[in-house]
Amino acid sequence: MTPEFPARSAQPAAEPIPDSAILEQEQEEVLRQCAARLLEAHAEVTDASESVCKFTEHHPGEPGKADICAGCHERLKERFEACEGALHMDLKEAAQIIYNAVWADPSDPGKTYQNAASALLTELRKRAGITAGLGPLPL
């Protein structure tokens, strides 16, 4: 008895390789569609409503654009209040600071005003929570 082999199925004919010009046209069309989608998405983001200032009483007419988030605004507000509070120093306290600075080093009378000014500024910075003498305020 001879073994039976299953019938061979006909192999599908290989697809013809498309012309390179046609491939380039298809690629360009896909790129155009992607670019159009990107532009459309960008336009949606750009046209999205901008954040506006929540303090409308300060903006007669159109509301102002908000360029800072609420958390950063609160931190800056706290820093401002600390600086403002330092400026509310009592007159007697300021005079005492100046007096102490003038008499701390009476050896050089030419430096008494400089010592007094330095002492007053140092006290104001301390009360305002400013650690560095120069540079921007810490946030």
N, C-alpha and C. Protein backbone atom coordinates (compact mmCIF):
# COMPACT_ATOMS: atom_id res chain seq x y z
N MET A 1 0.83 -1.15 0.00
CA MET A 1 0.00 0.00 0.00
C MET A 1 0.89 1.23 0.00
N THR A 2 0.51 2.18 -0.78
CA THR A 2 1.30 3.40 -0.89
C THR A 2 0.72 4.48 0.02
N PRO A 3 1.60 5.20 0.70
CA PRO A 3 1.07 6.25 1.59
C PRO A 3 0.44 7.38 0.79
N GLU A 4 -0.60 7.92 1.39
CA GLU A 4 -1.29 9.04 0.72
C GLU A 4 -0.81 10.34 1.35
N PHE A 5 -0.43 11.23 0.53
CA PHE A 5 -0.01 12.55 0.98
C PHE A 5 -1.16 13.52 0.78
N PRO A 6 -1.29 14.43 1.74
CA PRO A 6 -2.38 15.40 1.54
C PRO A 6 -2.10 16.25 0.31
N ALA A 7 -3.15 16.64 -0.29
CA ALA A 7 -3.02 17.44 -1.51
C ALA A 7 -2.40 18.80 -1.17
N ARG A 8 -1.52 19.17 -2.00
CA ARG A 8 -0.88 20.48 -1.79
C ARG A 8 -1.87 21.57 -2.13
N SER A 9 -1.90 22.55 -1.19
CA SER A 9 -2.77 23.69 -1.49
C SER A 9 -1.98 24.66 -2.34
N ALA A 10 -2.69 25.26 -3.18
CA ALA A 10 -2.02 26.21 -4.07
C ALA A 10 -1.58 27.42 -3.25
N GLN A 11 -0.33 27.80 -3.39
CA GLN A 11 0.16 28.97 -2.66
C GLN A 11 -0.39 30.22 -3.33
N PRO A 12 -0.79 31.17 -2.47
CA PRO A 12 -1.33 32.39 -3.07
C PRO A 12 -0.23 33.10 -3.85
N ALA A 13 -0.65 33.71 -4.86
CA ALA A 13 0.31 34.43 -5.71
C ALA A 13 0.85 35.62 -4.91
N ALA A 14 2.11 35.88 -5.00
CA ALA A 14 2.73 37.00 -4.30
C ALA A 14 2.15 38.30 -4.83
N GLU A 15 1.90 39.21 -3.88
CA GLU A 15 1.35 40.50 -4.30
C GLU A 15 2.42 41.26 -5.05
N PRO A 16 2.01 41.92 -6.08
CA PRO A 16 3.00 42.67 -6.84
C PRO A 16 3.52 43.85 -6.01
N ILE A 17 4.75 44.18 -6.14
CA ILE A 17 5.36 45.29 -5.42
C ILE A 17 4.87 46.58 -6.07
N PRO A 18 4.27 47.45 -5.21
CA PRO A 18 3.74 48.68 -5.81
C PRO A 18 4.85 49.60 -6.27
N ASP A 19 4.48 50.45 -7.14
CA ASP A 19 5.42 51.41 -7.71
C ASP A 19 5.89 52.37 -6.61
N SER A 20 7.17 52.75 -6.62
CA SER A 20 7.71 53.62 -5.58
C SER A 20 7.05 55.00 -5.61
N ALA A 21 6.64 55.46 -6.76
CA ALA A 21 5.97 56.76 -6.86
C ALA A 21 4.62 56.70 -6.12
N ILE A 22 3.93 55.60 -6.26
CA ILE A 22 2.63 55.44 -5.58
C ILE A 22 2.86 55.39 -4.07
N LEU A 23 3.89 54.67 -3.64
CA LEU A 23 4.20 54.60 -2.20
C LEU A 23 4.51 55.99 -1.64
N GLU A 24 5.29 56.77 -2.38
CA GLU A 24 5.61 58.12 -1.93
C GLU A 24 4.36 58.98 -1.81
N GLN A 25 3.46 58.85 -2.76
CA GLN A 25 2.21 59.62 -2.71
C GLN A 25 1.39 59.22 -1.48
N GLU A 26 1.32 57.94 -1.20
CA GLU A 26 0.56 57.47 -0.05
C GLU A 26 1.21 57.97 1.25
N GLN A 27 2.54 57.91 1.31
CA GLN A 27 3.23 58.41 2.51
C GLN A 27 2.98 59.89 2.71
N GLU A 28 3.05 60.66 1.63
CA GLU A 28 2.80 62.10 1.73
C GLU A 28 1.38 62.38 2.20
N GLU A 29 0.43 61.60 1.72
CA GLU A 29 -0.96 61.78 2.14
C GLU A 29 -1.12 61.48 3.64
N VAL A 30 -0.48 60.42 4.11
CA VAL A 30 -0.54 60.09 5.54
C VAL A 30 0.10 61.21 6.36
N LEU A 31 1.24 61.72 5.90
CA LEU A 31 1.90 62.83 6.61
C LEU A 31 1.01 64.07 6.63
N ARG A 32 0.35 64.38 5.51
CA ARG A 32 -0.56 65.54 5.46
C ARG A 32 -1.70 65.36 6.47
N GLN A 33 -2.24 64.17 6.53
CA GLN A 33 -3.34 63.91 7.47
C GLN A 33 -2.87 64.06 8.92
N CYS A 34 -1.67 63.54 9.22
CA CYS A 34 -1.12 63.67 10.58
C CYS A 34 -0.88 65.13 10.92
N ALA A 35 -0.31 65.88 9.97
CA ALA A 35 -0.06 67.30 10.21
C ALA A 35 -1.37 68.04 10.44
N ALA A 36 -2.40 67.72 9.67
CA ALA A 36 -3.69 68.38 9.84
C ALA A 36 -4.27 68.07 11.23
N ARG A 37 -4.13 66.83 11.67
CA ARG A 37 -4.63 66.46 13.01
C ARG A 37 -3.86 67.20 14.10
N LEU A 38 -2.53 67.30 13.93
CA LEU A 38 -1.72 68.02 14.91
C LEU A 38 -2.11 69.49 14.97
N LEU A 39 -2.29 70.11 13.81
CA LEU A 39 -2.70 71.51 13.78
C LEU A 39 -4.07 71.70 14.43
N GLU A 40 -4.96 70.76 14.18
CA GLU A 40 -6.29 70.83 14.77
C GLU A 40 -6.22 70.70 16.29
N ALA A 41 -5.41 69.77 16.78
CA ALA A 41 -5.24 69.59 18.23
C ALA A 41 -4.59 70.82 18.84
N HIS A 42 -3.59 71.38 18.15
CA HIS A 42 -2.92 72.59 18.66
C HIS A 42 -3.91 73.75 18.72
N ALA A 43 -4.75 73.87 17.72
CA ALA A 43 -5.74 74.95 17.70
C ALA A 43 -6.71 74.79 18.87
N GLU A 44 -7.09 73.56 19.19
CA GLU A 44 -7.99 73.34 20.33
C GLU A 44 -7.33 73.78 21.64
N VAL A 45 -6.05 73.45 21.79
CA VAL A 45 -5.34 73.84 23.00
C VAL A 45 -5.17 75.34 23.06
N THR A 46 -4.82 75.95 21.92
CA THR A 46 -4.61 77.39 21.87
C THR A 46 -5.91 78.14 22.11
N ASP A 47 -7.00 77.63 21.57
CA ASP A 47 -8.28 78.31 21.69
C ASP A 47 -8.97 78.03 23.03
N ALA A 48 -8.39 77.13 23.82
CA ALA A 48 -9.00 76.80 25.11
C ALA A 48 -9.06 78.06 25.96
N SER A 49 -10.06 78.14 26.78
CA SER A 49 -10.23 79.35 27.58
C SER A 49 -9.04 79.54 28.50
N GLU A 50 -8.53 80.76 28.52
CA GLU A 50 -7.39 81.09 29.37
C GLU A 50 -7.85 81.24 30.80
N SER A 51 -6.94 81.03 31.71
CA SER A 51 -7.25 81.28 33.11
C SER A 51 -7.35 82.78 33.29
N VAL A 52 -8.33 83.20 34.05
CA VAL A 52 -8.50 84.62 34.30
C VAL A 52 -8.34 84.90 35.78
N CYS A 53 -8.00 86.13 36.08
CA CYS A 53 -7.79 86.55 37.47
C CYS A 53 -9.09 86.43 38.25
N LYS A 54 -8.99 85.87 39.44
CA LYS A 54 -10.19 85.71 40.26
C LYS A 54 -10.55 87.00 41.01
N PHE A 55 -9.68 88.00 40.95
CA PHE A 55 -9.96 89.27 41.61
C PHE A 55 -10.53 90.25 40.58
N THR A 56 -11.75 90.00 40.16
CA THR A 56 -12.36 90.79 39.09
C THR A 56 -12.58 92.24 39.47
N GLU A 57 -12.63 92.54 40.75
CA GLU A 57 -12.84 93.94 41.16
C GLU A 57 -11.67 94.83 40.79
N HIS A 58 -10.51 94.24 40.50
CA HIS A 58 -9.33 95.01 40.12
C HIS A 58 -9.22 95.19 38.60
N HIS A 59 -10.14 94.60 37.86
CA HIS A 59 -10.08 94.63 36.40
C HIS A 59 -11.38 95.19 35.83
N PRO A 60 -11.49 96.50 35.72
CA PRO A 60 -12.71 97.04 35.10
C PRO A 60 -12.76 96.63 33.64
N GLY A 61 -13.90 96.26 33.18
CA GLY A 61 -14.02 95.79 31.79
C GLY A 61 -13.72 94.32 31.71
N GLU A 62 -12.77 93.97 30.85
CA GLU A 62 -12.41 92.56 30.67
C GLU A 62 -11.55 92.08 31.83
N PRO A 63 -11.74 90.83 32.27
CA PRO A 63 -10.89 90.30 33.35
C PRO A 63 -9.46 90.12 32.87
N GLY A 64 -8.52 90.25 33.80
CA GLY A 64 -7.11 90.08 33.48
C GLY A 64 -6.74 88.62 33.33
N LYS A 65 -5.71 88.36 32.54
CA LYS A 65 -5.22 87.00 32.34
C LYS A 65 -4.44 86.57 33.59
N ALA A 66 -4.66 85.36 34.03
CA ALA A 66 -3.96 84.82 35.21
C ALA A 66 -2.69 84.11 34.74
N ASP A 67 -1.55 84.59 35.20
CA ASP A 67 -0.27 84.01 34.81
C ASP A 67 0.38 83.21 35.92
N ILE A 68 -0.32 83.01 37.04
CA ILE A 68 0.27 82.31 38.18
C ILE A 68 -0.81 81.42 38.80
N CYS A 69 -0.40 80.27 39.27
CA CYS A 69 -1.38 79.36 39.85
C CYS A 69 -1.76 79.82 41.27
N ALA A 70 -2.83 79.28 41.78
CA ALA A 70 -3.34 79.70 43.09
C ALA A 70 -2.34 79.38 44.21
N GLY A 71 -1.67 78.24 44.16
CA GLY A 71 -0.70 77.87 45.20
C GLY A 71 0.47 78.84 45.26
N CYS A 72 1.02 79.17 44.10
CA CYS A 72 2.13 80.13 44.07
C CYS A 72 1.67 81.51 44.51
N HIS A 73 0.45 81.86 44.13
CA HIS A 73 -0.10 83.16 44.54
C HIS A 73 -0.20 83.23 46.06
N GLU A 74 -0.65 82.17 46.68
CA GLU A 74 -0.78 82.16 48.14
C GLU A 74 0.58 82.27 48.82
N ARG A 75 1.60 81.55 48.29
CA ARG A 75 2.95 81.65 48.87
C ARG A 75 3.50 83.07 48.74
N LEU A 76 3.30 83.68 47.57
CA LEU A 76 3.77 85.06 47.38
C LEU A 76 3.02 86.03 48.29
N LYS A 77 1.74 85.76 48.46
CA LYS A 77 0.93 86.62 49.34
C LYS A 77 1.44 86.54 50.78
N GLU A 78 1.77 85.34 51.23
CA GLU A 78 2.31 85.17 52.58
C GLU A 78 3.65 85.90 52.72
N ARG A 79 4.53 85.78 51.71
CA ARG A 79 5.81 86.47 51.75
C ARG A 79 5.62 87.98 51.79
N PHE A 80 4.68 88.47 50.99
CA PHE A 80 4.40 89.90 50.96
C PHE A 80 3.90 90.37 52.32
N GLU A 81 3.01 89.61 52.92
CA GLU A 81 2.47 90.00 54.22
C GLU A 81 3.56 90.03 55.29
N ALA A 82 4.52 89.10 55.21
CA ALA A 82 5.63 89.11 56.17
C ALA A 82 6.50 90.35 55.97
N CYS A 83 6.76 90.70 54.72
CA CYS A 83 7.56 91.91 54.44
C CYS A 83 6.81 93.16 54.87
N GLU A 84 5.54 93.19 54.57
CA GLU A 84 4.74 94.35 54.95
C GLU A 84 4.68 94.49 56.47
N GLY A 85 4.54 93.36 57.15
CA GLY A 85 4.51 93.39 58.62
C GLY A 85 5.80 93.92 59.20
N ALA A 86 6.92 93.59 58.59
CA ALA A 86 8.22 94.09 59.07
C ALA A 86 8.30 95.60 58.97
N LEU A 87 7.66 96.16 57.95
CA LEU A 87 7.69 97.61 57.78
C LEU A 87 6.82 98.36 58.79
N HIS A 88 5.99 97.65 59.49
CA HIS A 88 5.14 98.27 60.51
C HIS A 88 5.84 98.30 61.87
N MET A 89 7.14 98.42 61.82
CA MET A 89 7.93 98.48 63.06
C MET A 89 7.56 99.74 63.84
N ASP A 90 7.46 99.59 65.13
CA ASP A 90 7.15 100.71 66.01
C ASP A 90 8.30 101.73 65.98
N LEU A 91 7.99 103.01 66.07
CA LEU A 91 9.00 104.07 66.05
C LEU A 91 10.00 103.93 67.19
N LYS A 92 9.51 103.56 68.37
CA LYS A 92 10.41 103.39 69.52
C LYS A 92 11.37 102.24 69.30
N GLU A 93 10.87 101.16 68.70
CA GLU A 93 11.75 100.02 68.41
C GLU A 93 12.84 100.41 67.41
N ALA A 94 12.46 101.14 66.35
CA ALA A 94 13.44 101.57 65.35
C ALA A 94 14.48 102.49 65.98
N ALA A 95 14.03 103.42 66.84
CA ALA A 95 14.96 104.34 67.50
C ALA A 95 15.91 103.58 68.41
N GLN A 96 15.40 102.56 69.09
CA GLN A 96 16.25 101.77 69.99
C GLN A 96 17.30 101.00 69.19
N ILE A 97 16.92 100.45 68.07
CA ILE A 97 17.87 99.72 67.22
C ILE A 97 18.98 100.67 66.75
N ILE A 98 18.59 101.86 66.31
CA ILE A 98 19.58 102.84 65.85
C ILE A 98 20.49 103.27 67.00
N TYR A 99 19.90 103.55 68.15
CA TYR A 99 20.68 103.97 69.32
C TYR A 99 21.71 102.90 69.69
N ASN A 100 21.27 101.64 69.76
CA ASN A 100 22.18 100.54 70.10
C ASN A 100 23.30 100.40 69.08
N ALA A 101 22.99 100.57 67.81
CA ALA A 101 24.01 100.44 66.77
C ALA A 101 25.02 101.57 66.84
N VAL A 102 24.56 102.79 67.12
CA VAL A 102 25.46 103.94 67.21
C VAL A 102 26.42 103.77 68.37
N TRP A 103 25.91 103.31 69.50
CA TRP A 103 26.75 103.21 70.69
C TRP A 103 27.46 101.86 70.82
N ALA A 104 27.17 100.93 69.90
CA ALA A 104 27.86 99.64 69.95
C ALA A 104 29.34 99.80 69.63
N ASP A 105 29.66 100.73 68.74
CA ASP A 105 31.05 100.94 68.34
C ASP A 105 31.30 102.44 68.16
N PRO A 106 31.51 103.18 69.26
CA PRO A 106 31.72 104.63 69.15
C PRO A 106 33.15 104.99 68.72
N SER A 107 33.99 103.99 68.45
CA SER A 107 35.40 104.28 68.12
C SER A 107 35.55 105.02 66.79
N ASP A 108 34.63 104.80 65.84
CA ASP A 108 34.74 105.46 64.55
C ASP A 108 33.46 106.25 64.28
N PRO A 109 33.45 107.56 64.60
CA PRO A 109 32.24 108.36 64.42
C PRO A 109 31.77 108.43 62.97
N GLY A 110 32.64 108.22 62.02
CA GLY A 110 32.25 108.25 60.62
C GLY A 110 31.39 107.07 60.21
N LYS A 111 31.42 106.01 60.99
CA LYS A 111 30.66 104.80 60.65
C LYS A 111 29.35 104.69 61.42
N THR A 112 29.03 105.66 62.29
CA THR A 112 27.84 105.51 63.12
C THR A 112 26.57 105.44 62.28
N TYR A 113 26.45 106.29 61.25
CA TYR A 113 25.25 106.24 60.39
C TYR A 113 25.18 104.93 59.63
N GLN A 114 26.34 104.48 59.15
CA GLN A 114 26.38 103.21 58.42
C GLN A 114 26.00 102.05 59.36
N ASN A 115 26.52 102.05 60.57
CA ASN A 115 26.17 101.01 61.54
C ASN A 115 24.68 101.03 61.86
N ALA A 116 24.13 102.24 62.04
CA ALA A 116 22.71 102.37 62.36
C ALA A 116 21.85 101.86 61.21
N ALA A 117 22.19 102.25 59.99
CA ALA A 117 21.42 101.80 58.83
C ALA A 117 21.51 100.29 58.66
N SER A 118 22.70 99.75 58.83
CA SER A 118 22.90 98.31 58.72
C SER A 118 22.09 97.55 59.77
N ALA A 119 22.11 98.04 61.00
CA ALA A 119 21.36 97.38 62.07
C ALA A 119 19.86 97.42 61.80
N LEU A 120 19.36 98.55 61.31
CA LEU A 120 17.93 98.68 61.03
C LEU A 120 17.52 97.75 59.88
N LEU A 121 18.32 97.72 58.82
CA LEU A 121 18.02 96.82 57.70
C LEU A 121 18.08 95.36 58.10
N THR A 122 19.04 95.02 58.93
CA THR A 122 19.16 93.64 59.41
C THR A 122 17.93 93.23 60.21
N GLU A 123 17.45 94.12 61.05
CA GLU A 123 16.25 93.82 61.85
C GLU A 123 15.02 93.69 60.95
N LEU A 124 14.89 94.57 59.97
CA LEU A 124 13.75 94.48 59.05
C LEU A 124 13.79 93.17 58.26
N ARG A 125 14.97 92.79 57.78
CA ARG A 125 15.09 91.52 57.05
C ARG A 125 14.74 90.33 57.94
N LYS A 126 15.19 90.38 59.19
CA LYS A 126 14.91 89.29 60.12
C LYS A 126 13.41 89.16 60.34
N ARG A 127 12.74 90.29 60.55
CA ARG A 127 11.29 90.27 60.78
C ARG A 127 10.52 89.84 59.54
N ALA A 128 11.06 90.14 58.37
CA ALA A 128 10.39 89.78 57.12
C ALA A 128 10.68 88.33 56.71
N GLY A 129 11.63 87.70 57.40
CA GLY A 129 11.98 86.32 57.06
C GLY A 129 12.92 86.21 55.89
N ILE A 130 13.62 87.30 55.58
CA ILE A 130 14.58 87.29 54.47
C ILE A 130 15.94 86.90 55.04
N THR A 131 16.47 85.80 54.55
CA THR A 131 17.73 85.30 55.10
C THR A 131 18.95 85.92 54.43
N ALA A 132 18.90 86.11 53.11
CA ALA A 132 20.06 86.65 52.39
C ALA A 132 19.92 88.17 52.27
N GLY A 133 21.03 88.85 52.33
CA GLY A 133 21.03 90.29 52.21
C GLY A 133 20.83 90.76 50.78
N LEU A 134 21.26 89.96 49.81
CA LEU A 134 21.15 90.33 48.42
C LEU A 134 20.39 89.26 47.65
N GLY A 135 19.89 89.64 46.51
CA GLY A 135 19.22 88.67 45.65
C GLY A 135 17.72 88.74 45.79
N PRO A 136 17.02 87.92 45.01
CA PRO A 136 15.56 87.94 45.04
C PRO A 136 15.00 87.34 46.32
N LEU A 137 13.77 87.68 46.60
CA LEU A 137 13.11 87.12 47.78
C LEU A 137 12.90 85.62 47.60
N PRO A 138 13.10 84.84 48.64
CA PRO A 138 12.85 83.41 48.53
C PRO A 138 11.36 83.15 48.43
N LEU A 139 10.99 82.18 47.57
CA LEU A 139 9.57 81.87 47.40
C LEU A 139 9.16 80.74 48.24
